[in-house]
């Protein structure tokens, strides 16, 4: 055996690395086009929904996808730095008598100074995770082992109740700490 010959799996590893680079490059090219990205995801979701309605099966796959998408959405509208957690930490430190440095953080909140909303899950990662989940659910809807017999109205009712309770709690959190996770009126002033 010649010592200059690459190991047996080196070509496969290089091929996977090359594929990952190409895939990441194509993914990066879609970043500036959120409307097209989300449009393709909605189209894929509608295709999945059509599959579920057509075969009238795989309700547990649809339910699992719904729960996962709800979880992603909640991470998307939740701030990265939770004000409730910060208030609890400050209160705990004060109760324990721990010395703290003076900050103007409380003054900044009271004065209404602008503080940007930083999401726990950025939009691109939200889209990418949702699209991967929809794709996986779509392919799972063709595998008979995932067709678990279940009474679907109970799943729909449970999902609606879970969504209502979770979003009501999130809206109450938004009102209490006065933040809005959506920026519909933002103006683009980057080039001028």
N, C-alpha and C. Protein backbone atom coordinates (compact mmCIF):
# COMPACT_ATOMS: atom_id res chain seq x y z
N UNK A 1 0.85 -1.17 0.00
CA UNK A 1 0.00 0.00 0.00
C UNK A 1 0.89 1.23 0.00
N UNK A 2 0.58 2.18 -0.85
CA UNK A 2 1.38 3.40 -0.98
C UNK A 2 1.02 4.36 0.15
N UNK A 3 2.01 5.03 0.73
CA UNK A 3 1.76 5.93 1.86
C UNK A 3 1.10 7.24 1.43
N UNK A 4 1.11 7.58 0.14
CA UNK A 4 0.48 8.82 -0.32
C UNK A 4 -1.00 8.64 -0.63
N UNK A 5 -1.49 7.42 -0.55
CA UNK A 5 -2.90 7.16 -0.84
C UNK A 5 -3.76 7.61 0.34
N UNK A 6 -4.87 8.34 0.08
CA UNK A 6 -5.72 8.80 1.19
C UNK A 6 -6.43 7.63 1.87
N UNK A 7 -6.84 7.81 3.12
CA UNK A 7 -7.57 6.76 3.83
C UNK A 7 -8.86 6.37 3.08
N UNK A 8 -9.41 5.24 3.45
CA UNK A 8 -10.54 4.67 2.71
C UNK A 8 -11.76 5.60 2.68
N UNK A 9 -12.09 6.27 3.76
CA UNK A 9 -13.29 7.10 3.81
C UNK A 9 -13.06 8.57 3.53
N UNK A 10 -11.86 8.95 3.13
CA UNK A 10 -11.54 10.37 2.94
C UNK A 10 -12.35 10.99 1.81
N UNK A 11 -12.56 10.25 0.73
CA UNK A 11 -13.33 10.79 -0.39
C UNK A 11 -14.78 11.04 0.01
N UNK A 12 -15.34 10.14 0.79
CA UNK A 12 -16.72 10.31 1.24
C UNK A 12 -16.84 11.51 2.17
N UNK A 13 -15.87 11.68 3.05
CA UNK A 13 -15.88 12.81 3.98
C UNK A 13 -15.77 14.12 3.21
N UNK A 14 -14.88 14.16 2.23
CA UNK A 14 -14.72 15.36 1.41
C UNK A 14 -15.99 15.67 0.62
N UNK A 15 -16.64 14.62 0.12
CA UNK A 15 -17.89 14.81 -0.63
C UNK A 15 -18.98 15.40 0.27
N UNK A 16 -19.06 14.91 1.50
CA UNK A 16 -20.05 15.44 2.44
C UNK A 16 -19.74 16.89 2.78
N UNK A 17 -18.47 17.20 3.00
CA UNK A 17 -18.07 18.58 3.29
C UNK A 17 -18.41 19.50 2.12
N UNK A 18 -18.15 19.04 0.91
CA UNK A 18 -18.45 19.84 -0.28
C UNK A 18 -19.96 20.06 -0.40
N UNK A 19 -20.75 19.00 -0.17
CA UNK A 19 -22.20 19.13 -0.22
C UNK A 19 -22.68 20.12 0.84
N UNK A 20 -22.14 20.05 2.05
CA UNK A 20 -22.54 20.97 3.12
C UNK A 20 -22.20 22.42 2.77
N UNK A 21 -21.05 22.64 2.14
CA UNK A 21 -20.69 24.00 1.72
C UNK A 21 -21.65 24.53 0.66
N UNK A 22 -21.98 23.69 -0.31
CA UNK A 22 -22.92 24.11 -1.36
C UNK A 22 -24.30 24.38 -0.78
N UNK A 23 -24.76 23.50 0.10
CA UNK A 23 -26.07 23.68 0.72
C UNK A 23 -26.11 24.96 1.54
N UNK A 24 -25.07 25.20 2.34
CA UNK A 24 -25.03 26.42 3.16
C UNK A 24 -24.97 27.66 2.28
N UNK A 25 -24.26 27.59 1.18
CA UNK A 25 -24.19 28.71 0.25
C UNK A 25 -25.57 29.02 -0.33
N UNK A 26 -26.29 27.99 -0.73
CA UNK A 26 -27.64 28.20 -1.27
C UNK A 26 -28.59 28.71 -0.19
N UNK A 27 -28.42 28.22 1.01
CA UNK A 27 -29.25 28.69 2.12
C UNK A 27 -28.98 30.16 2.42
N UNK A 28 -27.72 30.55 2.39
CA UNK A 28 -27.35 31.95 2.63
C UNK A 28 -27.89 32.87 1.55
N UNK A 29 -28.01 32.37 0.34
CA UNK A 29 -28.53 33.19 -0.75
C UNK A 29 -30.02 33.49 -0.57
N UNK A 30 -30.74 32.68 0.20
CA UNK A 30 -32.17 32.91 0.42
C UNK A 30 -32.44 33.88 1.57
N UNK A 31 -31.43 34.21 2.33
CA UNK A 31 -31.62 35.05 3.52
C UNK A 31 -32.32 36.38 3.23
N UNK A 32 -31.97 37.12 2.18
CA UNK A 32 -32.62 38.42 1.97
C UNK A 32 -34.05 38.34 1.43
N UNK A 33 -34.57 37.17 1.21
CA UNK A 33 -35.89 37.03 0.59
C UNK A 33 -36.87 36.30 1.49
N UNK A 34 -37.29 36.92 2.60
CA UNK A 34 -38.18 36.22 3.53
C UNK A 34 -39.55 35.89 2.94
N UNK A 35 -40.06 36.74 2.07
CA UNK A 35 -41.37 36.48 1.49
C UNK A 35 -41.36 35.19 0.66
N UNK A 36 -40.33 35.01 -0.13
CA UNK A 36 -40.23 33.79 -0.94
C UNK A 36 -39.97 32.56 -0.07
N UNK A 37 -39.15 32.73 0.95
CA UNK A 37 -38.86 31.60 1.85
C UNK A 37 -40.14 31.13 2.53
N UNK A 38 -40.87 32.09 3.13
CA UNK A 38 -42.08 31.72 3.83
C UNK A 38 -43.16 31.25 2.87
N UNK A 39 -43.17 31.81 1.67
CA UNK A 39 -44.13 31.34 0.67
C UNK A 39 -43.91 29.89 0.31
N UNK A 40 -42.66 29.50 0.16
CA UNK A 40 -42.36 28.10 -0.15
C UNK A 40 -42.71 27.20 1.03
N UNK A 41 -42.51 27.68 2.24
CA UNK A 41 -42.86 26.87 3.41
C UNK A 41 -44.37 26.71 3.53
N UNK A 42 -45.11 27.78 3.25
CA UNK A 42 -46.58 27.69 3.29
C UNK A 42 -47.07 26.73 2.21
N UNK A 43 -46.47 26.79 1.02
CA UNK A 43 -46.85 25.86 -0.05
C UNK A 43 -46.59 24.42 0.36
N UNK A 44 -45.46 24.17 0.99
CA UNK A 44 -45.14 22.83 1.46
C UNK A 44 -46.12 22.39 2.55
N UNK A 45 -46.48 23.32 3.44
CA UNK A 45 -47.45 23.02 4.49
C UNK A 45 -48.82 22.69 3.89
N UNK A 46 -49.22 23.44 2.87
CA UNK A 46 -50.50 23.16 2.21
C UNK A 46 -50.47 21.80 1.53
N UNK A 47 -49.34 21.43 0.96
CA UNK A 47 -49.18 20.11 0.36
C UNK A 47 -49.32 19.03 1.43
N UNK A 48 -48.71 19.26 2.58
CA UNK A 48 -48.83 18.32 3.70
C UNK A 48 -50.28 18.21 4.17
N UNK A 49 -50.95 19.35 4.29
CA UNK A 49 -52.35 19.37 4.72
C UNK A 49 -53.23 18.63 3.71
N UNK A 50 -52.97 18.85 2.44
CA UNK A 50 -53.71 18.14 1.40
C UNK A 50 -53.50 16.64 1.51
N UNK A 51 -52.29 16.22 1.81
CA UNK A 51 -52.00 14.79 1.99
C UNK A 51 -52.80 14.23 3.17
N UNK A 52 -52.86 14.96 4.27
CA UNK A 52 -53.60 14.50 5.45
C UNK A 52 -55.09 14.39 5.13
N UNK A 53 -55.65 15.39 4.46
CA UNK A 53 -57.07 15.36 4.12
C UNK A 53 -57.38 14.28 3.07
N UNK A 54 -56.46 14.06 2.16
CA UNK A 54 -56.68 13.10 1.09
C UNK A 54 -56.76 11.67 1.63
N UNK A 55 -55.81 11.30 2.47
CA UNK A 55 -55.78 9.92 2.98
C UNK A 55 -56.58 9.78 4.28
N UNK A 56 -56.97 10.86 4.89
CA UNK A 56 -57.69 10.87 6.16
C UNK A 56 -57.00 9.97 7.19
N UNK A 57 -55.73 10.23 7.35
CA UNK A 57 -54.90 9.47 8.29
C UNK A 57 -53.73 10.34 8.72
N UNK A 58 -52.85 9.79 9.51
CA UNK A 58 -51.63 10.46 9.98
C UNK A 58 -51.95 11.71 10.82
N UNK A 59 -53.02 11.63 11.59
CA UNK A 59 -53.40 12.78 12.42
C UNK A 59 -52.39 13.03 13.53
N UNK A 60 -51.76 11.98 14.01
CA UNK A 60 -50.77 12.16 15.07
C UNK A 60 -49.54 12.89 14.54
N UNK A 61 -49.20 12.69 13.27
CA UNK A 61 -48.09 13.41 12.65
C UNK A 61 -48.44 14.89 12.54
N UNK A 62 -49.68 15.17 12.13
CA UNK A 62 -50.13 16.56 12.02
C UNK A 62 -50.16 17.23 13.39
N UNK A 63 -50.59 16.50 14.40
CA UNK A 63 -50.62 17.04 15.75
C UNK A 63 -49.21 17.34 16.26
N UNK A 64 -48.29 16.42 16.04
CA UNK A 64 -46.91 16.64 16.48
C UNK A 64 -46.30 17.84 15.75
N UNK A 65 -46.59 17.97 14.46
CA UNK A 65 -46.09 19.12 13.71
C UNK A 65 -46.69 20.41 14.26
N UNK A 66 -47.98 20.40 14.57
CA UNK A 66 -48.62 21.59 15.13
C UNK A 66 -48.01 22.01 16.46
N UNK A 67 -47.76 21.06 17.33
CA UNK A 67 -47.14 21.36 18.63
C UNK A 67 -45.74 21.92 18.43
N UNK A 68 -44.98 21.34 17.51
CA UNK A 68 -43.62 21.82 17.27
C UNK A 68 -43.63 23.23 16.69
N UNK A 69 -44.52 23.49 15.74
CA UNK A 69 -44.61 24.83 15.15
C UNK A 69 -45.07 25.85 16.19
N UNK A 70 -45.97 25.45 17.09
CA UNK A 70 -46.38 26.35 18.17
C UNK A 70 -45.20 26.67 19.08
N UNK A 71 -44.41 25.67 19.39
CA UNK A 71 -43.22 25.87 20.22
C UNK A 71 -42.23 26.82 19.54
N UNK A 72 -42.02 26.65 18.23
CA UNK A 72 -41.14 27.55 17.50
C UNK A 72 -41.69 28.98 17.50
N UNK A 73 -42.99 29.11 17.29
CA UNK A 73 -43.59 30.44 17.27
C UNK A 73 -43.45 31.14 18.62
N UNK A 74 -43.63 30.39 19.69
CA UNK A 74 -43.47 30.99 21.02
C UNK A 74 -42.03 31.43 21.26
N UNK A 75 -41.08 30.64 20.80
CA UNK A 75 -39.67 31.05 20.93
C UNK A 75 -39.40 32.28 20.07
N UNK A 76 -40.10 32.41 18.95
CA UNK A 76 -39.92 33.54 18.05
C UNK A 76 -40.44 34.84 18.66
N UNK A 77 -41.55 34.78 19.40
CA UNK A 77 -42.12 36.01 19.96
C UNK A 77 -41.68 36.27 21.39
N UNK A 78 -40.83 35.43 21.94
CA UNK A 78 -40.33 35.62 23.30
C UNK A 78 -39.00 36.37 23.26
N UNK A 79 -38.81 37.33 24.16
CA UNK A 79 -37.52 38.04 24.18
C UNK A 79 -36.39 37.13 24.64
N UNK A 80 -35.21 37.40 24.12
CA UNK A 80 -34.04 36.60 24.49
C UNK A 80 -33.70 36.78 25.97
N UNK A 81 -33.80 38.01 26.43
CA UNK A 81 -33.54 38.32 27.83
C UNK A 81 -34.87 38.61 28.49
N UNK A 82 -35.36 37.66 29.26
CA UNK A 82 -36.68 37.75 29.86
C UNK A 82 -36.69 38.77 30.99
N UNK A 83 -37.54 39.81 30.90
CA UNK A 83 -37.59 40.81 31.98
C UNK A 83 -38.07 40.23 33.31
N UNK A 84 -38.91 39.21 33.26
CA UNK A 84 -39.39 38.59 34.50
C UNK A 84 -38.23 37.92 35.23
N UNK A 85 -37.36 37.26 34.49
CA UNK A 85 -36.21 36.59 35.10
C UNK A 85 -35.24 37.61 35.68
N UNK A 86 -35.02 38.71 34.96
CA UNK A 86 -34.13 39.76 35.46
C UNK A 86 -34.68 40.38 36.74
N UNK A 87 -36.00 40.60 36.79
CA UNK A 87 -36.61 41.17 37.99
C UNK A 87 -36.49 40.20 39.17
N UNK A 88 -36.71 38.91 38.91
CA UNK A 88 -36.58 37.90 39.97
C UNK A 88 -35.15 37.82 40.49
N UNK A 89 -34.17 37.88 39.60
CA UNK A 89 -32.77 37.84 40.03
C UNK A 89 -32.41 39.06 40.87
N UNK A 90 -32.88 40.23 40.46
CA UNK A 90 -32.60 41.44 41.22
C UNK A 90 -33.26 41.38 42.60
N UNK A 91 -34.47 40.84 42.64
CA UNK A 91 -35.18 40.72 43.92
C UNK A 91 -34.48 39.72 44.84
N UNK A 92 -34.01 38.61 44.29
CA UNK A 92 -33.30 37.61 45.08
C UNK A 92 -32.00 38.17 45.63
N UNK A 93 -31.27 38.91 44.79
CA UNK A 93 -30.02 39.52 45.26
C UNK A 93 -30.28 40.52 46.37
N UNK A 94 -31.36 41.28 46.27
CA UNK A 94 -31.68 42.26 47.29
C UNK A 94 -32.07 41.57 48.60
N UNK A 95 -32.80 40.46 48.51
CA UNK A 95 -33.20 39.72 49.71
C UNK A 95 -31.99 39.10 50.41
N UNK A 96 -31.03 38.64 49.64
CA UNK A 96 -29.86 38.00 50.21
C UNK A 96 -28.84 39.01 50.72
N UNK A 97 -29.05 40.27 50.42
CA UNK A 97 -28.14 41.30 50.87
C UNK A 97 -26.86 41.36 50.07
N UNK A 98 -26.89 40.82 48.89
CA UNK A 98 -25.69 40.84 48.04
C UNK A 98 -25.44 42.26 47.55
N UNK A 99 -24.19 42.68 47.61
CA UNK A 99 -23.89 44.03 47.12
C UNK A 99 -24.05 44.07 45.60
N UNK A 100 -24.66 45.13 45.13
CA UNK A 100 -24.85 45.29 43.69
C UNK A 100 -24.26 46.61 43.25
N UNK A 101 -23.85 46.64 42.02
CA UNK A 101 -23.34 47.88 41.46
C UNK A 101 -24.50 48.75 41.01
N UNK A 102 -24.38 50.05 41.18
CA UNK A 102 -25.47 50.91 40.72
C UNK A 102 -25.52 50.92 39.20
N UNK A 103 -26.71 50.77 38.68
CA UNK A 103 -26.90 50.83 37.23
C UNK A 103 -28.07 51.74 36.93
N UNK A 104 -28.11 52.18 35.72
CA UNK A 104 -29.24 53.02 35.31
C UNK A 104 -30.26 52.20 34.56
N UNK A 105 -30.19 50.87 34.68
CA UNK A 105 -31.11 50.01 33.94
C UNK A 105 -32.55 50.29 34.33
N UNK A 106 -32.81 50.44 35.61
CA UNK A 106 -34.17 50.76 36.04
C UNK A 106 -34.62 52.10 35.51
N UNK A 107 -33.70 53.08 35.48
CA UNK A 107 -34.05 54.39 34.95
C UNK A 107 -34.32 54.33 33.46
N UNK A 108 -33.59 53.51 32.78
CA UNK A 108 -33.79 53.40 31.33
C UNK A 108 -35.18 52.86 31.04
N UNK A 109 -35.61 51.87 31.81
CA UNK A 109 -36.94 51.30 31.59
C UNK A 109 -38.01 52.32 31.93
N UNK A 110 -37.83 53.07 33.00
CA UNK A 110 -38.84 54.02 33.42
C UNK A 110 -38.90 55.23 32.50
N UNK A 111 -37.76 55.65 31.96
CA UNK A 111 -37.74 56.81 31.08
C UNK A 111 -38.30 56.50 29.70
N UNK A 112 -38.48 55.26 29.38
CA UNK A 112 -39.01 54.89 28.08
C UNK A 112 -37.98 54.95 26.97
N UNK A 113 -36.72 54.88 27.33
CA UNK A 113 -35.67 54.88 26.32
C UNK A 113 -35.80 53.64 25.44
N UNK A 114 -35.47 53.79 24.17
CA UNK A 114 -35.61 52.69 23.22
C UNK A 114 -34.68 51.54 23.57
N UNK A 115 -35.26 50.37 23.67
CA UNK A 115 -34.49 49.15 23.85
C UNK A 115 -34.93 48.17 22.77
N UNK A 116 -34.02 47.73 21.95
CA UNK A 116 -34.43 46.85 20.85
C UNK A 116 -34.92 45.50 21.36
N UNK A 117 -35.89 44.95 20.65
CA UNK A 117 -36.42 43.64 20.98
C UNK A 117 -35.54 42.59 20.31
N UNK A 118 -34.88 41.78 21.11
CA UNK A 118 -34.03 40.71 20.59
C UNK A 118 -34.77 39.40 20.83
N UNK A 119 -35.00 38.67 19.77
CA UNK A 119 -35.78 37.44 19.86
C UNK A 119 -34.94 36.28 20.39
N UNK A 120 -35.63 35.37 21.06
CA UNK A 120 -34.97 34.15 21.50
C UNK A 120 -34.64 33.26 20.30
N UNK A 121 -35.52 33.26 19.29
CA UNK A 121 -35.30 32.50 18.06
C UNK A 121 -35.40 33.46 16.88
N UNK A 122 -34.30 33.74 16.20
CA UNK A 122 -34.34 34.66 15.06
C UNK A 122 -35.23 34.14 13.93
N UNK A 123 -35.66 35.07 13.08
CA UNK A 123 -36.61 34.73 12.01
C UNK A 123 -36.06 33.66 11.08
N UNK A 124 -34.81 33.78 10.68
CA UNK A 124 -34.25 32.81 9.74
C UNK A 124 -34.22 31.41 10.35
N UNK A 125 -33.80 31.29 11.60
CA UNK A 125 -33.77 29.98 12.25
C UNK A 125 -35.18 29.44 12.45
N UNK A 126 -36.14 30.34 12.72
CA UNK A 126 -37.53 29.95 12.84
C UNK A 126 -38.01 29.35 11.51
N UNK A 127 -37.73 30.05 10.41
CA UNK A 127 -38.14 29.55 9.10
C UNK A 127 -37.46 28.23 8.78
N UNK A 128 -36.18 28.15 9.02
CA UNK A 128 -35.42 26.94 8.67
C UNK A 128 -35.91 25.74 9.48
N UNK A 129 -36.12 25.93 10.77
CA UNK A 129 -36.60 24.82 11.61
C UNK A 129 -38.02 24.42 11.22
N UNK A 130 -38.87 25.40 10.94
CA UNK A 130 -40.24 25.10 10.54
C UNK A 130 -40.26 24.35 9.21
N UNK A 131 -39.44 24.77 8.27
CA UNK A 131 -39.41 24.11 6.96
C UNK A 131 -38.89 22.68 7.08
N UNK A 132 -37.85 22.49 7.89
CA UNK A 132 -37.35 21.12 8.10
C UNK A 132 -38.43 20.25 8.73
N UNK A 133 -39.16 20.79 9.70
CA UNK A 133 -40.21 20.02 10.38
C UNK A 133 -41.35 19.69 9.42
N UNK A 134 -41.75 20.65 8.60
CA UNK A 134 -42.83 20.39 7.64
C UNK A 134 -42.40 19.33 6.63
N UNK A 135 -41.17 19.42 6.17
CA UNK A 135 -40.65 18.43 5.22
C UNK A 135 -40.62 17.04 5.84
N UNK A 136 -40.13 16.96 7.07
CA UNK A 136 -40.08 15.67 7.76
C UNK A 136 -41.49 15.11 7.97
N UNK A 137 -42.44 15.97 8.37
CA UNK A 137 -43.82 15.53 8.57
C UNK A 137 -44.44 15.07 7.26
N UNK A 138 -44.13 15.78 6.18
CA UNK A 138 -44.67 15.39 4.87
C UNK A 138 -44.21 13.99 4.49
N UNK A 139 -42.92 13.71 4.66
CA UNK A 139 -42.42 12.38 4.33
C UNK A 139 -42.92 11.32 5.32
N UNK A 140 -43.11 11.71 6.58
CA UNK A 140 -43.64 10.77 7.57
C UNK A 140 -45.08 10.39 7.25
N UNK A 141 -45.79 11.27 6.53
CA UNK A 141 -47.18 10.99 6.16
C UNK A 141 -47.29 9.94 5.06
N UNK A 142 -46.17 9.41 4.60
CA UNK A 142 -46.18 8.33 3.61
C UNK A 142 -45.73 7.01 4.21
N UNK A 143 -45.34 7.01 5.48
CA UNK A 143 -44.82 5.80 6.13
C UNK A 143 -45.92 5.22 7.02
N UNK A 144 -46.36 4.00 6.75
CA UNK A 144 -47.50 3.43 7.47
C UNK A 144 -47.30 3.30 8.99
N UNK A 145 -46.07 3.18 9.46
CA UNK A 145 -45.86 3.01 10.89
C UNK A 145 -46.31 4.25 11.68
N UNK A 146 -46.35 5.41 11.04
CA UNK A 146 -46.76 6.65 11.71
C UNK A 146 -48.27 6.87 11.66
N UNK A 147 -49.00 5.96 11.03
CA UNK A 147 -50.46 6.09 10.97
C UNK A 147 -51.07 5.42 12.20
N UNK A 148 -50.95 6.09 13.33
CA UNK A 148 -51.48 5.59 14.59
C UNK A 148 -52.97 5.92 14.64
N UNK A 149 -53.83 4.93 14.90
CA UNK A 149 -55.26 5.23 14.96
C UNK A 149 -55.58 6.09 16.19
N UNK A 150 -56.20 7.22 15.94
CA UNK A 150 -56.53 8.15 17.01
C UNK A 150 -57.80 8.89 16.61
N UNK A 151 -58.58 9.27 17.61
CA UNK A 151 -59.81 10.04 17.36
C UNK A 151 -59.40 11.50 17.19
N UNK A 152 -59.36 11.97 15.96
CA UNK A 152 -58.77 13.27 15.64
C UNK A 152 -59.48 14.46 16.27
N UNK A 153 -60.82 14.46 16.51
CA UNK A 153 -61.41 15.66 17.15
C UNK A 153 -60.83 15.96 18.53
N UNK A 154 -60.43 14.93 19.25
CA UNK A 154 -59.82 15.17 20.56
C UNK A 154 -58.47 15.87 20.39
N UNK A 155 -57.69 15.46 19.40
CA UNK A 155 -56.41 16.13 19.14
C UNK A 155 -56.62 17.58 18.74
N UNK A 156 -57.60 17.84 17.91
CA UNK A 156 -57.87 19.22 17.49
C UNK A 156 -58.30 20.06 18.68
N UNK A 157 -59.19 19.53 19.50
CA UNK A 157 -59.66 20.27 20.68
C UNK A 157 -58.49 20.53 21.65
N UNK A 158 -57.68 19.52 21.90
CA UNK A 158 -56.56 19.68 22.81
C UNK A 158 -55.56 20.69 22.27
N UNK A 159 -55.29 20.65 20.96
CA UNK A 159 -54.37 21.60 20.35
C UNK A 159 -54.91 23.03 20.46
N UNK A 160 -56.20 23.21 20.20
CA UNK A 160 -56.80 24.56 20.30
C UNK A 160 -56.74 25.09 21.72
N UNK A 161 -57.05 24.25 22.69
CA UNK A 161 -57.00 24.68 24.09
C UNK A 161 -55.56 25.02 24.49
N UNK A 162 -54.63 24.17 24.11
CA UNK A 162 -53.22 24.42 24.42
C UNK A 162 -52.73 25.72 23.79
N UNK A 163 -53.10 25.95 22.54
CA UNK A 163 -52.71 27.18 21.85
C UNK A 163 -53.31 28.39 22.54
N UNK A 164 -54.59 28.33 22.87
CA UNK A 164 -55.26 29.45 23.52
C UNK A 164 -54.62 29.78 24.86
N UNK A 165 -54.40 28.79 25.68
CA UNK A 165 -53.82 29.03 27.01
C UNK A 165 -52.40 29.57 26.90
N UNK A 166 -51.62 28.99 26.02
CA UNK A 166 -50.23 29.42 25.88
C UNK A 166 -50.12 30.83 25.35
N UNK A 167 -50.89 31.14 24.31
CA UNK A 167 -50.82 32.48 23.74
C UNK A 167 -51.42 33.53 24.68
N UNK A 168 -52.43 33.17 25.44
CA UNK A 168 -52.99 34.10 26.42
C UNK A 168 -51.94 34.46 27.48
N UNK A 169 -51.20 33.47 27.92
CA UNK A 169 -50.14 33.71 28.89
C UNK A 169 -49.04 34.59 28.29
N UNK A 170 -48.71 34.34 27.02
CA UNK A 170 -47.67 35.13 26.36
C UNK A 170 -48.11 36.58 26.16
N UNK A 171 -49.36 36.79 25.79
CA UNK A 171 -49.88 38.15 25.61
C UNK A 171 -49.90 38.88 26.96
N UNK A 172 -50.26 38.19 28.02
CA UNK A 172 -50.22 38.81 29.35
C UNK A 172 -48.79 39.20 29.72
N UNK A 173 -47.83 38.37 29.38
CA UNK A 173 -46.41 38.67 29.63
C UNK A 173 -45.99 39.90 28.83
N UNK A 174 -46.45 40.00 27.58
CA UNK A 174 -46.12 41.16 26.74
C UNK A 174 -46.70 42.44 27.32
N UNK A 175 -47.92 42.35 27.80
CA UNK A 175 -48.55 43.55 28.38
C UNK A 175 -47.87 43.96 29.68
N UNK A 176 -47.52 42.99 30.50
CA UNK A 176 -46.91 43.29 31.79
C UNK A 176 -45.57 43.99 31.62
N UNK A 177 -44.76 43.52 30.67
CA UNK A 177 -43.42 44.08 30.49
C UNK A 177 -43.32 45.02 29.30
N UNK A 178 -44.45 45.34 28.70
CA UNK A 178 -44.57 46.37 27.66
C UNK A 178 -43.58 46.18 26.51
N UNK A 179 -43.69 45.06 25.86
CA UNK A 179 -42.90 44.85 24.65
C UNK A 179 -43.80 44.30 23.56
N UNK A 180 -43.41 44.57 22.33
CA UNK A 180 -44.15 44.10 21.17
C UNK A 180 -43.16 43.39 20.24
N UNK A 181 -43.35 42.10 19.99
CA UNK A 181 -42.36 41.36 19.22
C UNK A 181 -42.42 41.59 17.71
N UNK A 182 -43.38 42.36 17.24
CA UNK A 182 -43.52 42.57 15.80
C UNK A 182 -43.19 44.00 15.47
N UNK A 183 -42.51 44.21 14.36
CA UNK A 183 -42.10 45.55 13.94
C UNK A 183 -42.59 45.81 12.52
N UNK A 184 -43.89 45.94 12.38
CA UNK A 184 -44.48 46.12 11.06
C UNK A 184 -44.16 47.49 10.47
N UNK A 185 -43.98 48.50 11.30
CA UNK A 185 -43.78 49.85 10.80
C UNK A 185 -42.34 50.27 10.66
N UNK A 186 -41.41 49.37 10.76
CA UNK A 186 -40.00 49.72 10.71
C UNK A 186 -39.63 50.20 9.31
N UNK A 187 -38.86 51.28 9.27
CA UNK A 187 -38.44 51.83 7.99
C UNK A 187 -37.00 51.43 7.72
N UNK A 188 -36.72 51.18 6.48
CA UNK A 188 -35.38 50.80 6.06
C UNK A 188 -34.58 52.04 5.72
N UNK A 189 -33.54 52.33 6.50
CA UNK A 189 -32.72 53.53 6.27
C UNK A 189 -31.25 53.15 6.13
N UNK A 190 -30.99 51.96 5.64
CA UNK A 190 -29.61 51.48 5.65
C UNK A 190 -28.74 52.11 4.58
N UNK A 191 -29.25 52.39 3.41
CA UNK A 191 -28.40 52.87 2.34
C UNK A 191 -28.31 54.37 2.24
N UNK A 192 -29.07 55.10 3.05
CA UNK A 192 -29.14 56.55 2.86
C UNK A 192 -28.80 57.31 4.10
